[in-house]
Protein backbone atom coordinates (compact mmCIF):
# COMPACT_ATOMS: atom_id res chain seq x y z
CA MET A 1 274.09 268.16 -2.57
CA ILE A 2 270.69 267.64 -4.19
CA ASN A 3 269.49 265.73 -1.14
CA ASN A 4 270.53 268.57 1.21
CA ARG A 5 268.80 271.14 -0.98
CA SER A 6 265.53 269.19 -1.31
CA SER A 7 265.46 268.39 2.42
CA GLY A 8 266.08 272.09 3.14
CA VAL A 9 263.16 273.05 0.86
CA ARG A 10 261.03 270.40 2.57
CA ARG A 11 261.91 271.83 6.02
CA VAL A 12 261.02 275.36 4.87
CA LYS A 13 257.67 274.12 3.49
CA GLN A 14 256.96 272.25 6.72
CA SER A 15 257.86 275.32 8.78
CA LEU A 16 255.60 277.52 6.65
CA LEU A 17 252.76 275.01 6.98
CA ALA A 18 253.21 274.88 10.77
CA LEU A 19 253.29 278.69 10.94
CA THR A 20 250.13 278.96 8.81
CA LEU A 21 248.27 276.41 10.94
CA GLY A 22 249.43 278.11 14.13
CA LEU A 23 248.25 281.53 12.94
CA GLY A 24 244.91 280.06 11.93
CA MET A 25 244.47 278.56 15.39
CA LEU A 26 245.39 281.87 17.06
CA ILE A 27 242.92 283.80 14.92
CA SER A 28 240.08 281.36 15.61
CA ALA A 29 240.87 281.43 19.35
CA ALA A 30 241.03 285.22 19.34
CA ALA A 31 237.62 285.70 17.75
CA SER A 32 234.77 283.38 18.55
CA ALA A 33 231.11 283.37 17.61
CA ALA A 34 228.50 283.24 20.34
CA GLU A 35 225.12 281.51 20.31
CA LEU A 36 221.91 283.47 20.89
CA VAL A 37 220.05 282.63 24.10
CA ARG A 38 216.53 283.11 22.77
CA GLU A 39 214.62 283.12 26.08
CA ASN A 40 216.66 286.14 27.29
CA SER A 41 216.37 288.12 24.04
CA GLU A 42 213.84 290.36 22.32
CA ILE A 43 213.52 292.81 19.45
CA ARG A 44 210.90 295.54 19.72
CA PHE A 45 209.88 298.47 17.51
CA SER A 46 207.48 301.41 17.57
CA GLY A 47 206.02 303.98 15.24
CA THR A 48 203.10 306.38 15.03
CA GLN A 49 199.81 305.94 13.23
CA MET A 50 197.39 308.88 13.12
CA GLY A 51 199.49 310.54 15.82
CA ARG A 52 199.27 307.59 18.22
CA VAL A 53 202.21 305.41 19.18
CA PHE A 54 201.97 301.70 18.40
CA GLU A 55 204.47 299.06 19.43
CA GLY A 56 205.42 295.67 18.12
CA GLN A 57 207.96 292.90 18.29
CA ALA A 58 209.78 290.48 16.03
CA ASP A 59 208.77 286.91 16.79
CA THR A 60 211.19 285.06 14.49
CA TYR A 61 214.82 286.08 14.27
CA THR A 62 218.36 284.83 14.52
CA ALA A 63 221.45 286.65 15.72
CA THR A 64 225.12 285.92 16.01
CA ALA A 65 227.81 287.96 17.69
CA ASP A 66 231.55 287.67 17.49
CA PHE A 67 233.76 288.50 20.44
CA SER A 68 237.50 288.98 20.80
CA ALA A 69 239.52 286.76 23.15
CA ALA A 70 239.13 289.54 25.75
CA GLY A 71 235.32 289.34 25.43
CA GLN A 72 234.87 292.55 23.42
CA LEU A 73 232.12 292.62 20.78
CA THR A 74 233.64 292.67 17.28
CA ALA A 75 230.65 291.90 15.01
CA LEU A 76 226.88 291.48 15.08
CA GLN A 77 224.61 289.85 12.50
CA LEU A 78 220.84 289.87 12.82
CA GLN A 79 218.17 288.36 10.55
CA ILE A 80 214.46 288.99 11.12
CA ARG A 81 211.60 287.24 9.32
CA ALA A 82 209.53 290.08 7.87
CA ASP A 83 206.22 288.25 8.34
CA SER A 84 206.97 287.73 12.04
CA LEU A 85 206.55 291.40 12.96
CA ASP A 86 203.59 291.59 15.31
CA THR A 87 201.84 294.79 16.49
CA GLN A 88 198.96 292.98 18.24
CA ASN A 89 196.58 294.31 15.57
CA ALA A 90 195.69 291.77 12.83
CA GLU A 91 194.56 294.38 10.30
CA ARG A 92 197.67 296.54 10.75
CA ASP A 93 199.92 293.44 10.61
CA GLN A 94 198.32 292.27 7.35
CA VAL A 95 199.03 295.67 5.77
CA LEU A 96 202.55 295.77 7.28
CA HIS A 97 203.42 292.37 5.76
CA GLY A 98 201.78 293.27 2.41
CA ASP A 99 203.29 294.63 -0.78
CA GLU A 100 202.85 298.33 0.09
CA TRP A 101 205.10 297.91 3.13
CA LEU A 102 207.45 294.99 3.78
CA ASP A 103 206.26 292.80 0.90
CA ALA A 104 207.21 289.79 3.02
CA ALA A 105 206.31 287.31 0.26
CA VAL A 106 209.01 288.79 -2.00
CA PHE A 107 211.45 290.04 0.67
CA PRO A 108 211.12 287.52 3.51
CA GLU A 109 214.07 288.72 5.58
CA MET A 110 215.40 291.95 7.07
CA ARG A 111 219.09 292.02 7.99
CA PHE A 112 221.56 294.03 10.01
CA GLU A 113 225.29 293.36 9.77
CA GLY A 114 227.93 295.43 11.49
CA GLN A 115 231.38 295.46 12.97
CA SER A 116 232.82 297.09 16.05
CA ALA A 117 236.33 298.32 16.76
CA ASP A 118 235.67 299.23 20.39
CA GLY A 119 232.84 296.93 21.50
CA GLU A 120 230.51 299.88 22.14
CA PHE A 121 229.76 301.29 18.68
CA ILE A 122 228.76 299.19 15.68
CA ARG A 123 229.09 300.50 12.14
CA GLY A 124 226.77 298.51 9.97
CA PHE A 125 224.15 298.20 7.27
CA LEU A 126 220.41 297.55 7.52
CA THR A 127 218.63 295.81 4.65
CA ILE A 128 214.85 296.04 4.31
CA ARG A 129 213.14 294.99 1.08
CA ASP A 130 215.67 295.69 -1.68
CA LYS A 131 217.40 298.63 0.05
CA THR A 132 220.58 298.49 2.10
CA LEU A 133 221.54 301.64 4.00
CA PRO A 134 224.14 302.46 6.65
CA LEU A 135 223.01 302.26 10.27
CA ASP A 136 225.33 302.78 13.21
CA LEU A 137 224.38 301.63 16.70
CA ALA A 138 225.62 302.39 20.17
CA VAL A 139 225.66 299.14 22.14
CA ASN A 140 225.81 298.45 25.86
CA THR A 141 227.28 295.14 26.95
CA ASP A 142 226.83 293.41 30.28
CA THR A 143 228.22 290.06 31.41
CA GLU A 144 226.46 287.99 34.04
CA ASN A 145 226.33 284.23 34.76
CA ARG A 146 228.39 283.36 31.67
CA LEU A 147 225.99 285.27 29.41
CA VAL A 148 226.84 288.40 27.47
CA SER A 149 223.84 290.71 27.04
CA LEU A 150 223.81 293.41 24.38
CA SER A 151 221.31 296.21 24.29
CA ALA A 152 220.94 298.64 21.41
CA GLU A 153 218.45 301.28 20.38
CA GLY A 154 218.14 303.00 17.07
CA GLU A 155 215.89 304.74 14.62
CA PHE A 156 215.52 304.76 10.85
CA ASP A 157 213.38 306.56 8.28
CA ARG A 158 210.87 304.12 6.76
CA LEU A 159 210.57 306.26 3.62
CA ALA A 160 214.30 305.77 2.86
CA PHE A 161 213.58 302.01 2.64
CA GLY A 162 210.49 302.45 0.46
CA LEU A 163 208.11 301.36 3.22
CA GLY A 164 204.60 302.59 2.54
CA SER A 165 203.20 303.71 -0.79
CA GLY A 166 200.13 305.63 -1.95
CA GLU A 167 198.26 307.08 1.03
CA TRP A 168 200.92 305.59 3.34
CA LEU A 169 203.46 308.15 2.07
CA ASP A 170 201.64 310.79 4.14
CA THR A 171 203.62 311.06 7.39
CA ALA A 172 200.52 312.45 9.12
CA VAL A 173 198.96 309.01 8.63
CA VAL A 174 202.06 306.97 9.56
CA GLY A 175 205.15 308.72 10.90
CA ALA A 176 208.44 308.36 9.03
CA ALA A 177 210.51 307.42 12.08
CA VAL A 178 210.64 303.79 13.21
CA LYS A 179 212.32 303.26 16.56
CA PHE A 180 213.65 299.90 17.62
CA SER A 181 215.38 298.30 20.54
CA ALA A 182 217.11 294.97 20.85
CA ARG A 183 218.14 293.05 23.92
CA LEU A 184 220.17 290.04 22.89
CA SER A 185 221.84 287.52 25.19
CA PHE A 186 224.66 285.29 24.00
CA ALA A 187 226.52 282.34 25.39
CA PRO A 188 230.12 282.73 24.18
């Protein structure tokens, strides 16, 4: 009787182990991470200085996206090197990377992390310096030649992140709104 009981317990444990492994395989097959295709991607931003629009781009960044088995976007993570922001103006870039703005030596990375329930709207958080605030993005997705391209546009208030101090707090000198756009291509 003891042998039947212990073999029954063993069979239950084996069945539970098989079920657990099977569920793990289904979950990993259902959601997969995609690799960024750098040459088809870009991150741009713009602001105003003394009433004039200036534009820039992020030169160093990484991004990962997760997709469901049906190809729907489920999550997006983006990391940008703060000292890689480039406005094509050396003096402005030096100030931007300095301690009154990004303080890139102390806070070397900016991050966005968000999740999507429908593949078209991402609820997430943006971290700049030592501040993390909610930021939701509408995202357009297009699939072509085995690549999935995401495009998103957004805007945030630089003052909410503590960007700019002293004379830079004056929004007549530098506007509060920072607009950005991202075009990211992934190979799922």
